[in-house]
Protein backbone atom coordinates (compact mmCIF):
# COMPACT_ATOMS: atom_id res chain seq x y z
CA MET A 1 130.32 114.12 93.52
CA ALA A 2 130.82 116.71 96.21
CA ILE A 3 132.73 115.30 99.17
CA SER A 4 132.57 117.15 102.40
CA LYS A 5 135.68 119.23 103.20
CA SER A 6 137.97 118.01 105.84
CA PHE A 7 137.48 120.36 108.79
CA ARG A 8 140.14 121.34 111.24
CA SER A 9 140.71 118.97 114.12
CA PHE A 10 141.17 120.19 117.75
CA ASN A 11 142.64 118.60 120.82
CA ASP A 12 139.98 118.53 123.52
CA GLY A 13 141.37 117.18 126.73
CA GLY A 14 143.41 114.52 124.85
CA ASN A 15 140.65 113.70 122.35
CA ILE A 16 141.00 114.68 118.78
CA VAL A 17 137.68 116.09 117.72
CA SER A 18 136.34 118.26 114.87
CA PHE A 19 133.11 120.17 114.12
CA SER A 20 130.37 117.82 112.91
CA HIS A 21 128.14 119.60 110.35
CA ILE A 22 125.80 116.61 110.45
CA LYS A 23 125.20 117.01 114.17
CA PHE A 24 124.88 120.75 113.67
CA ARG A 25 122.09 120.24 111.11
CA GLU A 26 120.34 117.95 113.48
CA GLN A 27 120.45 120.59 116.30
CA VAL A 28 119.31 123.31 113.95
CA LYS A 29 116.32 121.17 112.83
CA GLU A 30 115.52 120.35 116.43
CA LEU A 31 115.61 124.05 117.35
CA GLN A 32 113.41 124.88 114.44
CA ASP A 33 110.89 122.06 115.26
CA ASN A 34 110.70 123.18 119.01
CA ARG A 35 109.99 126.74 118.08
CA LYS A 36 107.37 125.67 115.55
CA ASN A 37 105.67 123.65 118.33
CA ASP A 38 105.77 126.87 120.44
CA GLY A 39 103.85 128.69 117.74
CA LYS A 40 106.97 130.50 116.30
CA LYS A 41 107.69 129.38 112.80
CA GLN A 42 111.19 130.15 111.69
CA SER A 43 112.89 129.66 108.40
CA LEU A 44 116.44 128.35 108.17
CA ASP A 45 117.58 131.80 107.11
CA ASP A 46 116.06 133.31 110.25
CA ILE A 47 118.03 130.81 112.46
CA TYR A 48 121.16 131.54 110.48
CA ILE A 49 120.82 135.23 111.22
CA GLU A 50 119.98 134.73 114.87
CA LEU A 51 122.99 132.47 115.55
CA ALA A 52 125.38 134.76 113.65
CA GLU A 53 124.34 137.73 115.62
CA LYS A 54 124.89 135.79 118.87
CA ILE A 55 128.41 134.67 118.04
CA GLY A 56 129.50 137.60 116.02
CA ILE A 57 129.91 136.18 112.52
CA SER A 58 128.07 136.50 109.21
CA SER A 59 124.87 134.54 108.68
CA GLU A 60 126.49 133.27 105.41
CA SER A 61 129.16 131.52 107.41
CA VAL A 62 126.55 129.81 109.55
CA LYS A 63 124.73 128.70 106.37
CA LYS A 64 127.96 127.21 105.02
CA TRP A 65 128.45 125.30 108.31
CA TYR A 66 124.93 123.93 107.96
CA LYS A 67 125.58 122.79 104.36
CA GLY A 68 128.94 121.26 105.23
CA ASP A 69 130.86 123.68 103.06
CA ASN A 70 132.99 124.99 105.88
CA GLY A 71 133.33 124.80 109.70
CA PRO A 72 134.35 126.99 112.59
CA GLY A 73 137.97 128.00 112.71
CA ASP A 74 138.62 127.28 116.37
CA ILE A 75 137.21 125.22 119.21
CA ASP A 76 136.06 128.25 121.18
CA LEU A 77 133.79 129.23 118.33
CA ILE A 78 132.14 125.84 118.35
CA LYS A 79 131.55 126.24 122.15
CA SER A 80 130.02 129.67 121.56
CA LEU A 81 127.77 128.26 118.90
CA ALA A 82 126.61 125.45 121.29
CA ASN A 83 125.92 128.07 123.96
CA ALA A 84 123.88 130.23 121.56
CA MET A 85 121.85 127.11 120.65
CA GLY A 86 121.37 126.12 124.20
CA VAL A 87 122.95 122.68 123.73
CA ASP A 88 125.99 120.90 125.13
CA TYR A 89 129.19 121.40 123.20
CA SER A 90 129.48 117.65 122.63
CA ASN A 91 126.34 117.84 120.44
CA LEU A 92 128.33 119.73 117.76
CA ILE A 93 131.62 117.67 117.74
CA ALA A 94 132.70 114.19 116.66
CA LYS A 95 135.73 112.22 117.47
CA THR A 96 137.84 111.83 114.44
CA GLU A 97 137.49 108.40 112.96
CA SER A 98 139.92 106.91 110.39
CA LEU A 99 140.25 103.87 108.21
CA ARG A 100 142.55 102.30 110.78
CA ASN A 101 140.21 102.67 113.73
CA GLY A 102 136.89 103.04 112.12
CA LYS A 103 135.23 101.07 109.31
CA ASP A 104 137.06 97.83 108.85
CA PHE A 105 137.76 97.71 105.15
CA ASN A 106 139.33 94.54 103.87
CA PHE A 107 142.48 95.42 102.08
CA ASN A 108 143.82 91.88 101.95
CA ILE A 109 144.78 90.98 98.36
CA SER A 110 145.00 87.36 97.15
CA ASP A 111 148.37 86.53 95.59
CA THR A 112 147.31 83.07 94.32
CA SER A 113 147.15 84.26 90.71
CA GLU A 114 147.09 87.37 88.60
CA SER A 115 143.37 87.07 87.96
CA GLU A 116 142.66 86.88 91.70
CA ILE A 117 144.69 89.93 92.36
CA ILE A 118 142.62 91.83 89.67
CA LYS A 119 139.38 90.56 91.18
CA ASP A 120 140.38 91.72 94.69
CA MET A 121 141.31 95.21 93.37
CA TYR A 122 137.91 95.28 91.64
CA ARG A 123 136.31 94.51 95.04
CA LEU A 124 138.11 97.37 96.65
CA MET A 125 137.08 99.75 93.78
CA ILE A 126 133.43 98.71 94.25
CA ASP A 127 133.61 99.38 98.02
CA PHE A 128 135.09 102.81 97.14
CA ILE A 129 132.29 103.67 94.84
CA TYR A 130 129.63 102.80 97.45
CA TRP A 131 131.33 104.64 100.21
CA PHE A 132 132.94 107.68 98.71
CA ILE A 133 131.28 108.50 95.38
CA GLY A 134 127.98 110.12 95.74
CA THR A 135 126.18 113.35 96.78
CA GLU A 136 127.40 115.01 99.88
CA GLN A 137 124.50 114.48 102.27
CA ASP A 138 123.65 110.98 101.21
CA SER A 139 127.14 109.44 101.01
CA LYS A 140 127.73 106.65 103.53
CA ALA A 141 131.13 108.13 104.30
CA VAL A 142 129.66 111.31 105.37
CA HIS A 143 127.51 109.61 108.01
CA TYR A 144 130.37 107.35 109.29
CA PHE A 145 133.35 109.59 109.07
CA ASP A 146 133.44 113.22 110.19
CA ASN A 147 136.27 113.95 107.64
CA PRO A 148 135.23 111.84 104.58
CA GLN A 149 137.55 113.68 102.22
CA GLU A 150 140.55 112.78 104.23
CA GLU A 151 139.32 109.13 104.47
CA MET A 152 138.74 109.05 100.81
CA HIS A 153 142.44 109.86 100.09
CA ARG A 154 143.52 107.34 102.65
CA TYR A 155 141.46 104.74 100.95
CA ILE A 156 142.84 105.68 97.52
CA LEU A 157 146.41 105.55 98.93
CA GLU A 158 145.76 102.10 100.32
CA MET A 159 144.49 100.82 97.00
CA TYR A 160 147.66 102.12 95.38
CA ARG A 161 149.75 100.44 98.12
CA CYS A 162 147.90 97.05 97.63
CA LEU A 163 148.62 97.31 93.93
CA ASP A 164 152.25 98.13 94.24
CA VAL A 165 152.73 95.24 96.84
CA GLU A 166 151.38 92.75 94.26
CA SER A 167 152.83 94.45 91.19
CA ILE A 168 155.60 91.92 90.90
CA SER A 169 152.94 89.30 90.13
CA LEU A 170 151.27 91.50 87.38
CA SER A 171 152.04 91.96 83.82
CA ASP A 172 152.99 95.55 82.92
CA GLN A 173 149.78 96.11 81.05
CA ASN A 174 147.58 94.90 83.82
CA TYR A 175 149.49 96.86 86.40
CA PHE A 176 149.06 99.97 84.26
CA ASN A 177 145.33 99.38 83.71
CA LEU A 178 144.64 98.82 87.45
CA ARG A 179 146.66 101.94 88.39
CA LYS A 180 144.80 103.95 85.74
CA THR A 181 141.48 102.83 87.05
CA ILE A 182 142.26 103.79 90.62
CA THR A 183 143.45 107.23 89.37
CA GLU A 184 140.17 107.61 87.51
CA LEU A 185 138.10 106.76 90.55
CA ARG A 186 140.14 109.28 92.54
CA TYR A 187 139.48 111.99 89.96
CA ILE A 188 135.73 111.20 89.77
CA ALA A 189 135.38 111.47 93.53
CA SER A 190 137.62 114.54 94.10
CA CYS A 191 136.26 116.97 91.52
CA TYR A 192 133.35 119.27 92.12
CA SER A 193 132.18 119.73 88.57
CA PRO A 194 130.32 116.67 87.34
CA THR A 195 130.50 117.95 83.74
CA MET A 196 134.32 117.76 83.89
CA ASN A 197 135.16 114.88 86.15
CA ILE A 198 134.02 111.83 84.23
CA PRO A 199 136.96 110.23 82.25
CA LYS A 200 136.48 109.72 78.49
CA ASP A 201 136.67 105.97 78.75
CA TRP A 202 133.89 105.90 81.30
CA ASN A 203 131.70 108.03 79.12
CA GLU A 204 132.42 105.82 76.14
CA VAL A 205 131.21 102.54 77.83
CA ASN A 206 128.21 104.13 79.47
CA GLN A 207 126.74 107.09 77.70
CA LEU A 208 124.15 107.64 80.45
CA LEU A 209 126.94 109.39 82.42
CA GLN A 210 126.82 112.20 79.86
CA SER A 211 123.09 112.75 80.13
CA VAL A 212 121.59 115.87 81.57
CA ASP A 213 119.37 113.96 83.98
CA PHE A 214 122.33 112.01 85.41
CA TYR A 215 124.18 115.26 85.85
CA GLU A 216 121.13 116.68 87.74
CA SER A 217 120.89 113.67 89.95
CA LEU A 218 124.54 114.15 90.92
CA TYR A 219 124.58 117.87 91.48
CA CYS A 220 121.16 119.17 92.68
CA TYR A 221 121.92 120.34 96.22
CA PRO A 222 119.83 118.56 98.81
CA THR A 223 117.85 120.97 101.13
CA ASP A 224 115.98 120.36 104.32
CA THR A 225 112.72 121.53 102.76
CA LEU A 226 112.19 123.44 99.61
CA GLU A 227 109.48 125.39 101.49
CA ASP A 228 111.96 126.55 104.26
CA ILE A 229 114.81 127.47 102.01
CA GLY A 230 112.78 129.03 99.24
CA VAL A 231 114.54 127.32 96.32
CA GLU A 232 113.16 125.08 93.71
CA GLU A 233 115.44 122.48 92.38
CA SER A 234 114.20 120.26 89.57
CA ILE A 235 115.57 117.81 87.06
CA GLU A 236 115.24 118.08 83.34
CA ASP A 237 113.18 114.87 82.90
CA PRO A 238 111.92 113.11 86.01
CA ASP A 239 110.18 110.36 84.01
CA LYS A 240 113.55 109.46 82.50
CA LEU A 241 115.14 109.43 85.87
CA MET A 242 112.47 107.01 87.15
CA HIS A 243 113.32 104.72 84.18
CA MET A 244 116.94 104.75 85.24
CA LEU A 245 115.97 103.68 88.73
CA PHE A 246 113.70 100.91 87.68
CA GLU A 247 115.33 99.63 84.54
CA ASP A 248 115.94 96.36 86.40
CA MET A 249 112.27 96.04 87.16
CA PRO A 250 110.29 97.10 84.13
CA GLU A 251 107.05 95.73 85.51
CA PHE A 252 107.28 98.20 88.38
CA ASP A 253 108.16 101.23 86.22
CA SER A 254 104.64 102.22 85.13
CA TYR A 255 103.30 101.94 88.63
CA ALA A 256 106.14 104.30 89.99
CA LEU A 257 105.50 106.79 87.24
CA GLU A 258 101.85 106.91 88.13
CA ARG A 259 102.81 108.02 91.57
CA CYS A 260 104.95 110.93 90.37
CA ASP A 261 103.29 114.34 90.93
CA ASN A 262 103.43 115.88 87.57
CA ARG A 263 102.48 119.22 89.00
CA CYS A 264 105.49 119.40 91.23
CA GLN A 265 108.69 117.82 89.96
CA GLU A 266 111.23 119.30 92.46
CA LEU A 267 113.57 117.20 94.53
CA SER A 268 112.32 116.70 97.98
CA SER A 269 114.24 117.14 101.29
CA TYR A 270 115.97 113.71 100.96
CA ARG A 271 115.84 113.82 97.11
CA GLN A 272 113.23 111.07 96.99
CA PHE A 273 110.81 110.17 94.31
CA PRO A 274 108.00 107.75 95.17
CA ASP A 275 109.50 104.56 96.56
CA CYS A 276 113.11 105.43 95.68
CA ALA A 277 115.96 107.92 96.13
CA PRO A 278 117.52 109.39 93.05
CA PHE A 279 121.08 109.35 94.66
CA GLU A 280 120.89 105.54 94.26
CA ILE A 281 121.68 106.19 90.64
CA ILE A 282 125.03 107.48 91.33
CA ALA A 283 126.51 104.41 93.06
CA ARG A 284 124.67 102.04 90.82
CA GLU A 285 125.71 103.64 87.48
CA PHE A 286 129.31 104.12 88.48
CA ALA A 287 129.56 100.52 89.79
CA TYR A 288 127.95 99.31 86.52
CA THR A 289 130.40 101.47 84.50
CA LEU A 290 133.36 100.06 86.50
CA ARG A 291 132.26 96.63 85.47
CA LEU A 292 132.24 97.67 81.85
CA ILE A 293 135.66 99.25 82.19
CA MET A 294 137.16 96.15 83.85
CA LYS A 295 135.70 93.80 81.23
CA LYS A 296 137.27 96.01 78.57
CA ARG A 297 140.67 96.26 80.22
CA PHE A 298 140.84 92.72 81.54
CA PRO A 299 138.89 90.58 79.07
CA GLU A 300 140.52 87.31 80.21
CA VAL A 301 139.39 87.87 83.78
CA PHE A 302 135.89 89.37 83.27
CA LYS A 303 134.37 87.24 80.61
CA GLY A 304 130.91 87.27 79.11
CA ASP A 305 129.19 88.92 76.10
CA GLU A 306 127.79 92.41 76.48
CA LYS A 307 124.06 92.66 75.83
């Protein structure tokens, strides 16, 4: 679950701004499309080299900016980059959002009973999964916040705070189990190696998390087009991945599989198979696994027989 790095913030006339790799990608694609319309087809690598030469850095650095792995080290470099691309400087920056002035997450915890506290903490954990656990380009947090990693840590800290505020109303065991679950979510979202960052308890309740195909759905790096970048990224068993996506609709499974192109099983620009996006699996499976974890750790609150 690669989360975009938190880029440096700069004071620009009283506004706190930072480089937006999302806006940068959009400008690069627009530049590429415009030149294609003018009869000059350029690969992304060609554009990396051109921009690097104009602003006096390496093409590898520009490539990292495009992929969100890094950002310019000072505001003047961002302005030079905008000038080299022929765009306004504002098209490459974003004002820094935060949990306090951005997305209105509901951190209100009910103190009516121990079970209600646990259910509210579960709600916060589910929101965390759908906002902060996922592939880099497709995570909601990346599109809403320009510094998603920083916001992720703020969200985690806020969950710990909510838990500690209500800890006096919790048994020691329930407090420990909630705290442990928050820490596990933080670990899952923070690590960059999917083979190492899934806690043992999570693997035990959902063995799909250990599968090769789930690993590939997590970590295949999205590209703009495989043709442009010259890299083929494929998953081990695309049919199995389709089954994961449509396990809730078995009647649709065979139809979807028929539409898979068996001659070319790479991930497309937005990592989409016919009628679906494989990154959906990430949030779905971790939310489902969290449910199993909560049922196991809080059986009196989350009742019901497992199928």
